[in-house]
Amino acid sequence: MNNSNQAIAVIGEQAIVKVFQAIGYDCFYDTEPEAVIKRCQALDTAGYKIILILEKTAAQIGKYLDSRASLPYPIIMPIPDTITHDNYGMQRLNQNMEKAMGIKIGEKL
């Protein structure tokens, strides 16, 4: 279960996530919120450093993501998919960048 080269996992709908297997990431096809949270916990225990979750799925587990925001690893990031159009992933990225660097992406300097 642990991709020793990357330690990166991707979680979401098989049709979309399977593409990431081609570049060597470990893929998991969980979509139900409870299953995704359990998968994140298992991946954390297994030593994964980065977990990418499709935007639609990540939006459903926002409270869990918020509870882990202060932990250094694993980094859990939503990624855009072809289904969701509510900008949840970009909003989350902006929040993380603002927290880490003190700047908002897209703000005028």
PDB file of N, CA and C in Angstrom:
ATOM      1  N   MET A   1       0.811  -1.194   0.000  1.00  0.00           N
ATOM      2  CA  MET A   1       0.000   0.000   0.000  1.00  0.00           C
ATOM      3  C   MET A   1       0.849   1.250   0.000  1.00  0.00           C
ATOM      4  N   ASN A   2       2.095   1.183   0.250  1.00  0.00           N
ATOM      5  CA  ASN A   2       2.900   2.403   0.321  1.00  0.00           C
ATOM      6  C   ASN A   2       3.822   2.517  -0.874  1.00  0.00           C
ATOM      7  N   ASN A   3       3.585   3.511  -1.681  1.00  0.00           N
ATOM      8  CA  ASN A   3       4.419   3.807  -2.841  1.00  0.00           C
ATOM      9  C   ASN A   3       5.723   4.398  -2.313  1.00  0.00           C
ATOM     10  N   SER A   4       6.769   3.605  -2.263  1.00  0.00           N
ATOM     11  CA  SER A   4       8.007   4.037  -1.613  1.00  0.00           C
ATOM     12  C   SER A   4       8.678   5.219  -2.306  1.00  0.00           C
ATOM     13  N   ASN A   5       8.437   5.404  -3.592  1.00  0.00           N
ATOM     14  CA  ASN A   5       9.064   6.515  -4.300  1.00  0.00           C
ATOM     15  C   ASN A   5       8.399   7.849  -3.996  1.00  0.00           C
ATOM     16  N   GLN A   6       7.098   7.863  -3.883  1.00  0.00           N
ATOM     17  CA  GLN A   6       6.380   9.118  -3.783  1.00  0.00           C
ATOM     18  C   GLN A   6       5.687   9.339  -2.446  1.00  0.00           C
ATOM     19  N   ALA A   7       5.177   8.266  -1.851  1.00  0.00           N
ATOM     20  CA  ALA A   7       4.353   8.375  -0.643  1.00  0.00           C
ATOM     21  C   ALA A   7       3.176   9.315  -0.886  1.00  0.00           C
ATOM     22  N   ILE A   8       2.593   9.204  -2.089  1.00  0.00           N
ATOM     23  CA  ILE A   8       1.447  10.016  -2.469  1.00  0.00           C
ATOM     24  C   ILE A   8       0.291   9.091  -2.807  1.00  0.00           C
ATOM     25  N   ALA A   9      -0.876   9.423  -2.269  1.00  0.00           N
ATOM     26  CA  ALA A   9      -2.086   8.663  -2.562  1.00  0.00           C
ATOM     27  C   ALA A   9      -3.134   9.603  -3.121  1.00  0.00           C
ATOM     28  N   VAL A  10      -4.029   9.041  -3.936  1.00  0.00           N
ATOM     29  CA  VAL A  10      -5.129   9.805  -4.510  1.00  0.00           C
ATOM     30  C   VAL A  10      -6.418   9.040  -4.209  1.00  0.00           C
ATOM     31  N   ILE A  11      -7.429   9.770  -3.730  1.00  0.00           N
ATOM     32  CA  ILE A  11      -8.701   9.156  -3.356  1.00  0.00           C
ATOM     33  C   ILE A  11      -9.825   9.802  -4.142  1.00  0.00           C
ATOM     34  N   GLY A  12     -10.723   8.961  -4.681  1.00  0.00           N
ATOM     35  CA  GLY A  12     -11.891   9.494  -5.371  1.00  0.00           C
ATOM     36  C   GLY A  12     -12.487   8.506  -6.349  1.00  0.00           C
ATOM     37  N   GLU A  13     -13.330   8.998  -7.219  1.00  0.00           N
ATOM     38  CA  GLU A  13     -14.016   8.144  -8.178  1.00  0.00           C
ATOM     39  C   GLU A  13     -13.029   7.497  -9.136  1.00  0.00           C
ATOM     40  N   GLN A  14     -13.209   6.208  -9.356  1.00  0.00           N
ATOM     41  CA  GLN A  14     -12.265   5.429 -10.140  1.00  0.00           C
ATOM     42  C   GLN A  14     -12.004   6.004 -11.517  1.00  0.00           C
ATOM     43  N   ALA A  15     -13.028   6.434 -12.210  1.00  0.00           N
ATOM     44  CA  ALA A  15     -12.866   6.937 -13.576  1.00  0.00           C
ATOM     45  C   ALA A  15     -11.901   8.111 -13.653  1.00  0.00           C
ATOM     46  N   ILE A  16     -11.839   8.908 -12.604  1.00  0.00           N
ATOM     47  CA  ILE A  16     -10.970  10.076 -12.603  1.00  0.00           C
ATOM     48  C   ILE A  16      -9.624   9.762 -11.955  1.00  0.00           C
ATOM     49  N   VAL A  17      -9.666   9.093 -10.829  1.00  0.00           N
ATOM     50  CA  VAL A  17      -8.460   8.828 -10.043  1.00  0.00           C
ATOM     51  C   VAL A  17      -7.501   7.869 -10.738  1.00  0.00           C
ATOM     52  N   LYS A  18      -8.030   6.951 -11.500  1.00  0.00           N
ATOM     53  CA  LYS A  18      -7.197   5.939 -12.153  1.00  0.00           C
ATOM     54  C   LYS A  18      -6.098   6.551 -13.021  1.00  0.00           C
ATOM     55  N   VAL A  19      -6.330   7.743 -13.527  1.00  0.00           N
ATOM     56  CA  VAL A  19      -5.334   8.447 -14.348  1.00  0.00           C
ATOM     57  C   VAL A  19      -4.043   8.636 -13.554  1.00  0.00           C
ATOM     58  N   PHE A  20      -4.146   8.861 -12.258  1.00  0.00           N
ATOM     59  CA  PHE A  20      -2.976   9.112 -11.429  1.00  0.00           C
ATOM     60  C   PHE A  20      -2.106   7.867 -11.253  1.00  0.00           C
ATOM     61  N   GLN A  21      -2.674   6.686 -11.484  1.00  0.00           N
ATOM     62  CA  GLN A  21      -1.867   5.466 -11.425  1.00  0.00           C
ATOM     63  C   GLN A  21      -0.784   5.481 -12.493  1.00  0.00           C
ATOM     64  N   ALA A  22      -1.091   6.069 -13.616  1.00  0.00           N
ATOM     65  CA  ALA A  22      -0.137   6.111 -14.731  1.00  0.00           C
ATOM     66  C   ALA A  22       1.135   6.862 -14.372  1.00  0.00           C
ATOM     67  N   ILE A  23       1.053   7.781 -13.407  1.00  0.00           N
ATOM     68  CA  ILE A  23       2.255   8.512 -13.007  1.00  0.00           C
ATOM     69  C   ILE A  23       2.829   7.982 -11.693  1.00  0.00           C
ATOM     70  N   GLY A  24       2.314   6.836 -11.253  1.00  0.00           N
ATOM     71  CA  GLY A  24       2.923   6.150 -10.132  1.00  0.00           C
ATOM     72  C   GLY A  24       2.327   6.402  -8.766  1.00  0.00           C
ATOM     73  N   TYR A  25       1.211   7.101  -8.689  1.00  0.00           N
ATOM     74  CA  TYR A  25       0.584   7.331  -7.389  1.00  0.00           C
ATOM     75  C   TYR A  25      -0.309   6.160  -7.026  1.00  0.00           C
ATOM     76  N   ASP A  26      -0.449   5.908  -5.732  1.00  0.00           N
ATOM     77  CA  ASP A  26      -1.350   4.870  -5.260  1.00  0.00           C
ATOM     78  C   ASP A  26      -2.765   5.437  -5.251  1.00  0.00           C
ATOM     79  N   CYS A  27      -3.703   4.698  -5.822  1.00  0.00           N
ATOM     80  CA  CYS A  27      -5.070   5.197  -5.976  1.00  0.00           C
ATOM     81  C   CYS A  27      -6.061   4.343  -5.199  1.00  0.00           C
ATOM     82  N   PHE A  28      -7.038   5.016  -4.615  1.00  0.00           N
ATOM     83  CA  PHE A  28      -8.076   4.365  -3.834  1.00  0.00           C
ATOM     84  C   PHE A  28      -9.402   4.956  -4.271  1.00  0.00           C
ATOM     85  N   TYR A  29     -10.393   4.097  -4.429  1.00  0.00           N
ATOM     86  CA  TYR A  29     -11.640   4.505  -5.059  1.00  0.00           C
ATOM     87  C   TYR A  29     -12.772   4.711  -4.053  1.00  0.00           C
ATOM     88  N   ASP A  30     -12.461   5.260  -2.915  1.00  0.00           N
ATOM     89  CA  ASP A  30     -13.467   5.553  -1.906  1.00  0.00           C
ATOM     90  C   ASP A  30     -14.166   6.865  -2.264  1.00  0.00           C
ATOM     91  N   THR A  31     -15.482   6.909  -2.051  1.00  0.00           N
ATOM     92  CA  THR A  31     -16.222   8.137  -2.328  1.00  0.00           C
ATOM     93  C   THR A  31     -17.164   8.528  -1.191  1.00  0.00           C
ATOM     94  N   GLU A  32     -17.556   7.573  -0.373  1.00  0.00           N
ATOM     95  CA  GLU A  32     -18.436   7.882   0.755  1.00  0.00           C
ATOM     96  C   GLU A  32     -17.618   8.563   1.851  1.00  0.00           C
ATOM     97  N   PRO A  33     -18.135   9.624   2.455  1.00  0.00           N
ATOM     98  CA  PRO A  33     -17.368  10.388   3.440  1.00  0.00           C
ATOM     99  C   PRO A  33     -16.724   9.546   4.549  1.00  0.00           C
ATOM    100  N   GLU A  34     -17.484   8.625   5.128  1.00  0.00           N
ATOM    101  CA  GLU A  34     -16.931   7.807   6.211  1.00  0.00           C
ATOM    102  C   GLU A  34     -15.779   6.936   5.721  1.00  0.00           C
ATOM    103  N   ALA A  35     -15.924   6.377   4.527  1.00  0.00           N
ATOM    104  CA  ALA A  35     -14.870   5.531   3.952  1.00  0.00           C
ATOM    105  C   ALA A  35     -13.626   6.352   3.618  1.00  0.00           C
ATOM    106  N   VAL A  36     -13.824   7.574   3.158  1.00  0.00           N
ATOM    107  CA  VAL A  36     -12.689   8.440   2.821  1.00  0.00           C
ATOM    108  C   VAL A  36     -11.917   8.806   4.090  1.00  0.00           C
ATOM    109  N   ILE A  37     -12.628   9.119   5.151  1.00  0.00           N
ATOM    110  CA  ILE A  37     -11.958   9.451   6.416  1.00  0.00           C
ATOM    111  C   ILE A  37     -11.172   8.251   6.926  1.00  0.00           C
ATOM    112  N   LYS A  38     -11.766   7.076   6.882  1.00  0.00           N
ATOM    113  CA  LYS A  38     -11.057   5.865   7.318  1.00  0.00           C
ATOM    114  C   LYS A  38      -9.829   5.613   6.447  1.00  0.00           C
ATOM    115  N   ARG A  39      -9.968   5.844   5.157  1.00  0.00           N
ATOM    116  CA  ARG A  39      -8.835   5.653   4.239  1.00  0.00           C
ATOM    117  C   ARG A  39      -7.725   6.642   4.568  1.00  0.00           C
ATOM    118  N   CYS A  40      -8.069   7.900   4.830  1.00  0.00           N
ATOM    119  CA  CYS A  40      -7.064   8.902   5.198  1.00  0.00           C
ATOM    120  C   CYS A  40      -6.326   8.491   6.466  1.00  0.00           C
ATOM    121  N   GLN A  41      -7.063   7.992   7.432  1.00  0.00           N
ATOM    122  CA  GLN A  41      -6.443   7.550   8.686  1.00  0.00           C
ATOM    123  C   GLN A  41      -5.504   6.375   8.442  1.00  0.00           C
ATOM    124  N   ALA A  42      -5.919   5.428   7.605  1.00  0.00           N
ATOM    125  CA  ALA A  42      -5.067   4.280   7.289  1.00  0.00           C
ATOM    126  C   ALA A  42      -3.819   4.710   6.525  1.00  0.00           C
ATOM    127  N   LEU A  43      -3.976   5.648   5.603  1.00  0.00           N
ATOM    128  CA  LEU A  43      -2.823   6.134   4.839  1.00  0.00           C
ATOM    129  C   LEU A  43      -1.855   6.895   5.738  1.00  0.00           C
ATOM    130  N   ASP A  44      -2.380   7.627   6.695  1.00  0.00           N
ATOM    131  CA  ASP A  44      -1.547   8.319   7.675  1.00  0.00           C
ATOM    132  C   ASP A  44      -0.724   7.301   8.456  1.00  0.00           C
ATOM    133  N   THR A  45      -1.372   6.269   8.942  1.00  0.00           N
ATOM    134  CA  THR A  45      -0.688   5.214   9.695  1.00  0.00           C
ATOM    135  C   THR A  45       0.379   4.521   8.844  1.00  0.00           C
ATOM    136  N   ALA A  46       0.089   4.376   7.551  1.00  0.00           N
ATOM    137  CA  ALA A  46       1.026   3.712   6.640  1.00  0.00           C
ATOM    138  C   ALA A  46       2.200   4.602   6.233  1.00  0.00           C
ATOM    139  N   GLY A  47       2.158   5.881   6.617  1.00  0.00           N
ATOM    140  CA  GLY A  47       3.284   6.760   6.354  1.00  0.00           C
ATOM    141  C   GLY A  47       3.194   7.623   5.112  1.00  0.00           C
ATOM    142  N   TYR A  48       2.028   7.725   4.514  1.00  0.00           N
ATOM    143  CA  TYR A  48       1.885   8.600   3.352  1.00  0.00           C
ATOM    144  C   TYR A  48       2.081  10.049   3.775  1.00  0.00           C
ATOM    145  N   LYS A  49       2.718  10.834   2.948  1.00  0.00           N
ATOM    146  CA  LYS A  49       2.981  12.240   3.244  1.00  0.00           C
ATOM    147  C   LYS A  49       1.997  13.177   2.556  1.00  0.00           C
ATOM    148  N   ILE A  50       1.465  12.756   1.397  1.00  0.00           N
ATOM    149  CA  ILE A  50       0.534  13.585   0.642  1.00  0.00           C
ATOM    150  C   ILE A  50      -0.667  12.733   0.240  1.00  0.00           C
ATOM    151  N   ILE A  51      -1.852  13.257   0.514  1.00  0.00           N
ATOM    152  CA  ILE A  51      -3.087  12.597   0.103  1.00  0.00           C
ATOM    153  C   ILE A  51      -3.893  13.609  -0.706  1.00  0.00           C
ATOM    154  N   LEU A  52      -4.161  13.265  -1.939  1.00  0.00           N
ATOM    155  CA  LEU A  52      -4.965  14.108  -2.821  1.00  0.00           C
ATOM    156  C   LEU A  52      -6.365  13.516  -2.881  1.00  0.00           C
ATOM    157  N   ILE A  53      -7.367  14.364  -2.689  1.00  0.00           N
ATOM    158  CA  ILE A  53      -8.753  13.901  -2.699  1.00  0.00           C
ATOM    159  C   ILE A  53      -9.520  14.727  -3.724  1.00  0.00           C
ATOM    160  N   LEU A  54     -10.303  14.049  -4.543  1.00  0.00           N
ATOM    161  CA  LEU A  54     -11.102  14.785  -5.520  1.00  0.00           C
ATOM    162  C   LEU A  54     -11.986  15.802  -4.818  1.00  0.00           C
ATOM    163  N   GLU A  55     -12.125  16.931  -5.440  1.00  0.00           N
ATOM    164  CA  GLU A  55     -12.802  18.096  -4.869  1.00  0.00           C
ATOM    165  C   GLU A  55     -14.198  17.762  -4.323  1.00  0.00           C
ATOM    166  N   LYS A  56     -14.982  17.031  -5.082  1.00  0.00           N
ATOM    167  CA  LYS A  56     -16.338  16.681  -4.661  1.00  0.00           C
ATOM    168  C   LYS A  56     -16.313  15.899  -3.349  1.00  0.00           C
ATOM    169  N   THR A  57     -15.412  14.962  -3.258  1.00  0.00           N
ATOM    170  CA  THR A  57     -15.294  14.135  -2.062  1.00  0.00           C
ATOM    171  C   THR A  57     -14.743  14.942  -0.900  1.00  0.00           C
ATOM    172  N   ALA A  58     -13.742  15.758  -1.147  1.00  0.00           N
ATOM    173  CA  ALA A  58     -13.135  16.576  -0.092  1.00  0.00           C
ATOM    174  C   ALA A  58     -14.142  17.529   0.531  1.00  0.00           C
ATOM    175  N   ALA A  59     -15.028  18.081  -0.283  1.00  0.00           N
ATOM    176  CA  ALA A  59     -16.037  19.011   0.224  1.00  0.00           C
ATOM    177  C   ALA A  59     -16.956  18.345   1.236  1.00  0.00           C
ATOM    178  N   GLN A  60     -17.136  17.037   1.099  1.00  0.00           N
ATOM    179  CA  GLN A  60     -18.014  16.294   2.006  1.00  0.00           C
ATOM    180  C   GLN A  60     -17.359  15.994   3.351  1.00  0.00           C
ATOM    181  N   ILE A  61     -16.031  16.124   3.432  1.00  0.00           N
ATOM    182  CA  ILE A  61     -15.337  15.831   4.694  1.00  0.00           C
ATOM    183  C   ILE A  61     -14.587  17.065   5.210  1.00  0.00           C
ATOM    184  N   GLY A  62     -15.150  18.225   4.931  1.00  0.00           N
ATOM    185  CA  GLY A  62     -14.519  19.489   5.317  1.00  0.00           C
ATOM    186  C   GLY A  62     -14.183  19.581   6.794  1.00  0.00           C
ATOM    187  N   LYS A  63     -15.071  19.122   7.672  1.00  0.00           N
ATOM    188  CA  LYS A  63     -14.806  19.193   9.115  1.00  0.00           C
ATOM    189  C   LYS A  63     -13.607  18.335   9.490  1.00  0.00           C
ATOM    190  N   TYR A  64     -13.488  17.170   8.875  1.00  0.00           N
ATOM    191  CA  TYR A  64     -12.326  16.310   9.138  1.00  0.00           C
ATOM    192  C   TYR A  64     -11.047  17.005   8.662  1.00  0.00           C
ATOM    193  N   LEU A  65     -11.083  17.591   7.488  1.00  0.00           N
ATOM    194  CA  LEU A  65      -9.904  18.293   6.968  1.00  0.00           C
ATOM    195  C   LEU A  65      -9.522  19.451   7.877  1.00  0.00           C
ATOM    196  N   ASP A  66     -10.523  20.185   8.358  1.00  0.00           N
ATOM    197  CA  ASP A  66     -10.258  21.288   9.285  1.00  0.00           C
ATOM    198  C   ASP A  66      -9.595  20.787  10.567  1.00  0.00           C
ATOM    199  N   SER A  67     -10.023  19.631  11.058  1.00  0.00           N
ATOM    200  CA  SER A  67      -9.467  19.090  12.308  1.00  0.00           C
ATOM    201  C   SER A  67      -8.005  18.692  12.151  1.00  0.00           C
ATOM    202  N   ARG A  68      -7.558  18.457  10.933  1.00  0.00           N
ATOM    203  CA  ARG A  68      -6.177  18.033  10.681  1.00  0.00           C
ATOM    204  C   ARG A  68      -5.295  19.171  10.173  1.00  0.00           C
ATOM    205  N   ALA A  69      -5.863  20.342  10.035  1.00  0.00           N
ATOM    206  CA  ALA A  69      -5.158  21.465   9.404  1.00  0.00           C
ATOM    207  C   ALA A  69      -3.866  21.845  10.115  1.00  0.00           C
ATOM    208  N   SER A  70      -3.785  21.641  11.408  1.00  0.00           N
ATOM    209  CA  SER A  70      -2.583  22.048  12.136  1.00  0.00           C
ATOM    210  C   SER A  70      -1.495  20.979  12.140  1.00  0.00           C
ATOM    211  N   LEU A  71      -1.802  19.787  11.651  1.00  0.00           N
ATOM    212  CA  LEU A  71      -0.815  18.705  11.625  1.00  0.00           C
ATOM    213  C   LEU A  71       0.066  18.813  10.383  1.00  0.00           C
ATOM    214  N   PRO A  72       1.358  18.549  10.523  1.00  0.00           N
ATOM    215  CA  PRO A  72       2.243  18.695   9.369  1.00  0.00           C
ATOM    216  C   PRO A  72       2.027  17.634   8.290  1.00  0.00           C
ATOM    217  N   TYR A  73       1.743  16.405   8.685  1.00  0.00           N
ATOM    218  CA  TYR A  73       1.556  15.309   7.724  1.00  0.00           C
ATOM    219  C   TYR A  73       0.442  14.401   8.188  1.00  0.00           C
ATOM    220  N   PRO A  74      -0.216  13.764   7.262  1.00  0.00           N
ATOM    221  CA  PRO A  74      -0.062  13.959   5.828  1.00  0.00           C
ATOM    222  C   PRO A  74      -0.729  15.259   5.378  1.00  0.00           C
ATOM    223  N   ILE A  75      -0.217  15.788   4.310  1.00  0.00           N
ATOM    224  CA  ILE A  75      -0.840  16.947   3.678  1.00  0.00           C
ATOM    225  C   ILE A  75      -2.017  16.395   2.882  1.00  0.00           C
ATOM    226  N   ILE A  76      -3.211  16.857   3.197  1.00  0.00           N
ATOM    227  CA  ILE A  76      -4.413  16.396   2.506  1.00  0.00           C
ATOM    228  C   ILE A  76      -4.959  17.564   1.702  1.00  0.00           C
ATOM    229  N   MET A  77      -4.927  17.419   0.386  1.00  0.00           N
ATOM    230  CA  MET A  77      -5.305  18.515  -0.512  1.00  0.00           C
ATOM    231  C   MET A  77      -6.406  18.075  -1.464  1.00  0.00           C
ATOM    232  N   PRO A  78      -7.437  18.902  -1.618  1.00  0.00           N
ATOM    233  CA  PRO A  78      -8.430  18.621  -2.656  1.00  0.00           C
ATOM    234  C   PRO A  78      -7.859  18.971  -4.022  1.00  0.00           C
ATOM    235  N   ILE A  79      -8.234  18.190  -5.006  1.00  0.00           N
ATOM    236  CA  ILE A  79      -7.816  18.470  -6.379  1.00  0.00           C
ATOM    237  C   ILE A  79      -9.062  18.599  -7.248  1.00  0.00           C
ATOM    238  N   PRO A  80      -9.030  19.459  -8.252  1.00  0.00           N
ATOM    239  CA  PRO A  80     -10.195  19.648  -9.121  1.00  0.00           C
ATOM    240  C   PRO A  80     -10.566  18.358  -9.845  1.00  0.00           C
ATOM    241  N   ASP A  81     -11.847  18.209 -10.082  1.00  0.00           N
ATOM    242  CA  ASP A  81     -12.317  17.091 -10.886  1.00  0.00           C
ATOM    243  C   ASP A  81     -13.181  17.641 -12.014  1.00  0.00           C
ATOM    244  N   THR A  82     -13.699  16.782 -12.834  1.00  0.00           N
ATOM    245  CA  THR A  82     -14.506  17.241 -13.965  1.00  0.00           C
ATOM    246  C   THR A  82     -15.977  17.351 -13.618  1.00  0.00           C
ATOM    247  N   ILE A  83     -16.319  17.055 -12.376  1.00  0.00           N
ATOM    248  CA  ILE A  83     -17.718  17.020 -11.954  1.00  0.00           C
ATOM    249  C   ILE A  83     -18.093  18.269 -11.164  1.00  0.00           C
ATOM    250  N   THR A  84     -17.227  18.685 -10.262  1.00  0.00           N
ATOM    251  CA  THR A  84     -17.525  19.752  -9.318  1.00  0.00           C
ATOM    252  C   THR A  84     -17.166  21.109  -9.910  1.00  0.00           C
ATOM    253  N   HIS A  85     -18.037  22.077  -9.682  1.00  0.00           N
ATOM    254  CA  HIS A  85     -17.791  23.412 -10.201  1.00  0.00           C
ATOM    255  C   HIS A  85     -18.026  24.473  -9.130  1.00  0.00           C
ATOM    256  N   ASP A  86     -17.780  24.116  -7.864  1.00  0.00           N
ATOM    257  CA  ASP A  86     -18.044  25.083  -6.791  1.00  0.00           C
ATOM    258  C   ASP A  86     -16.773  25.721  -6.235  1.00  0.00           C
ATOM    259  N   ASN A  87     -15.633  25.431  -6.841  1.00  0.00           N
ATOM    260  CA  ASN A  87     -14.346  26.023  -6.448  1.00  0.00           C
ATOM    261  C   ASN A  87     -13.896  25.677  -5.035  1.00  0.00           C
ATOM    262  N   TYR A  88     -14.393  24.585  -4.470  1.00  0.00           N
ATOM    263  CA  TYR A  88     -13.992  24.189  -3.126  1.00  0.00           C
ATOM    264  C   TYR A  88     -12.477  23.981  -3.055  1.00  0.00           C
ATOM    265  N   GLY A  89     -11.928  23.294  -4.047  1.00  0.00           N
ATOM    266  CA  GLY A  89     -10.490  23.019  -4.057  1.00  0.00           C
ATOM    267  C   GLY A  89      -9.659  24.288  -4.062  1.00  0.00           C
ATOM    268  N   MET A  90     -10.036  25.264  -4.870  1.00  0.00           N
ATOM    269  CA  MET A  90      -9.293  26.519  -4.939  1.00  0.00           C
ATOM    270  C   MET A  90      -9.444  27.315  -3.650  1.00  0.00           C
ATOM    271  N   GLN A  91     -10.628  27.311  -3.075  1.00  0.00           N
ATOM    272  CA  GLN A  91     -10.835  28.000  -1.801  1.00  0.00           C
ATOM    273  C   GLN A  91      -9.952  27.394  -0.712  1.00  0.00           C
ATOM    274  N   ARG A  92      -9.886  26.084  -0.688  1.00  0.00           N
ATOM    275  CA  ARG A  92      -9.071  25.388   0.315  1.00  0.00           C
ATOM    276  C   ARG A  92      -7.583  25.697   0.098  1.00  0.00           C
ATOM    277  N   LEU A  93      -7.158  25.688  -1.156  1.00  0.00           N
ATOM    278  CA  LEU A  93      -5.778  26.019  -1.478  1.00  0.00           C
ATOM    279  C   LEU A  93      -5.455  27.434  -1.034  1.00  0.00           C
ATOM    280  N   ASN A  94      -6.350  28.375  -1.290  1.00  0.00           N
ATOM    281  CA  ASN A  94      -6.142  29.760  -0.850  1.00  0.00           C
ATOM    282  C   ASN A  94      -6.001  29.848   0.660  1.00  0.00           C
ATOM    283  N   GLN A  95      -6.840  29.125   1.391  1.00  0.00           N
ATOM    284  CA  GLN A  95      -6.757  29.127   2.852  1.00  0.00           C
ATOM    285  C   GLN A  95      -5.413  28.590   3.323  1.00  0.00           C
ATOM    286  N   ASN A  96      -4.970  27.506   2.710  1.00  0.00           N
ATOM    287  CA  ASN A  96      -3.686  26.909   3.106  1.00  0.00           C
ATOM    288  C   ASN A  96      -2.517  27.822   2.786  1.00  0.00           C
ATOM    289  N   MET A  97      -2.564  28.475   1.628  1.00  0.00           N
ATOM    290  CA  MET A  97      -1.485  29.388   1.249  1.00  0.00           C
ATOM    291  C   MET A  97      -1.459  30.604   2.169  1.00  0.00           C
ATOM    292  N   GLU A  98      -2.637  31.102   2.507  1.00  0.00           N
ATOM    293  CA  GLU A  98      -2.696  32.252   3.399  1.00  0.00           C
ATOM    294  C   GLU A  98      -2.135  31.890   4.776  1.00  0.00           C
ATOM    295  N   LYS A  99      -2.474  30.704   5.247  1.00  0.00           N
ATOM    296  CA  LYS A  99      -1.982  30.259   6.544  1.00  0.00           C
ATOM    297  C   LYS A  99      -0.463  30.058   6.508  1.00  0.00           C
ATOM    298  N   ALA A 100       0.029  29.456   5.432  1.00  0.00           N
ATOM    299  CA  ALA A 100       1.450  29.137   5.354  1.00  0.00           C
ATOM    300  C   ALA A 100       2.328  30.344   5.039  1.00  0.00           C
ATOM    301  N   MET A 101       1.837  31.222   4.164  1.00  0.00           N
ATOM    302  CA  MET A 101       2.689  32.298   3.674  1.00  0.00           C
ATOM    303  C   MET A 101       2.184  33.693   4.014  1.00  0.00           C
ATOM    304  N   GLY A 102       0.961  33.780   4.510  1.00  0.00           N
ATOM    305  CA  GLY A 102       0.419  35.075   4.855  1.00  0.00           C
ATOM    306  C   GLY A 102      -0.081  35.878   3.672  1.00  0.00           C
ATOM    307  N   ILE A 103      -0.275  35.216   2.529  1.00  0.00           N
ATOM    308  CA  ILE A 103      -0.789  35.921   1.351  1.00  0.00           C
ATOM    309  C   ILE A 103      -1.981  35.165   0.775  1.00  0.00           C
ATOM    310  N   LYS A 104      -2.823  35.894   0.086  1.00  0.00           N
ATOM    311  CA  LYS A 104      -3.947  35.291  -0.603  1.00  0.00           C
ATOM    312  C   LYS A 104      -3.606  35.207  -2.081  1.00  0.00           C
ATOM    313  N   ILE A 105      -3.844  34.045  -2.663  1.00  0.00           N
ATOM    314  CA  ILE A 105      -3.628  33.882  -4.090  1.00  0.00           C
ATOM    315  C   ILE A 105      -4.661  34.716  -4.834  1.00  0.00           C
ATOM    316  N   GLY A 106      -4.227  35.443  -5.812  1.00  0.00           N
ATOM    317  CA  GLY A 106      -5.139  36.258  -6.601  1.00  0.00           C
ATOM    318  C   GLY A 106      -5.361  37.647  -6.075  1.00  0.00           C
ATOM    319  N   GLU A 107      -4.839  37.954  -4.905  1.00  0.00           N
ATOM    320  CA  GLU A 107      -4.959  39.305  -4.346  1.00  0.00           C
ATOM    321  C   GLU A 107      -3.986  40.229  -5.057  1.00  0.00           C
ATOM    322  N   LYS A 108      -4.381  41.455  -5.249  1.00  0.00           N
ATOM    323  CA  LYS A 108      -3.467  42.436  -5.830  1.00  0.00           C
ATOM    324  C   LYS A 108      -2.461  42.850  -4.766  1.00  0.00           C
ATOM    325  N   LEU A 109      -1.234  42.981  -5.161  1.00  0.00           N
ATOM    326  CA  LEU A 109      -0.170  43.384  -4.223  1.00  0.00           C
ATOM    327  C   LEU A 109      -0.126  44.856  -4.017  1.00  0.00           C
TER     328      LEU A 109
END
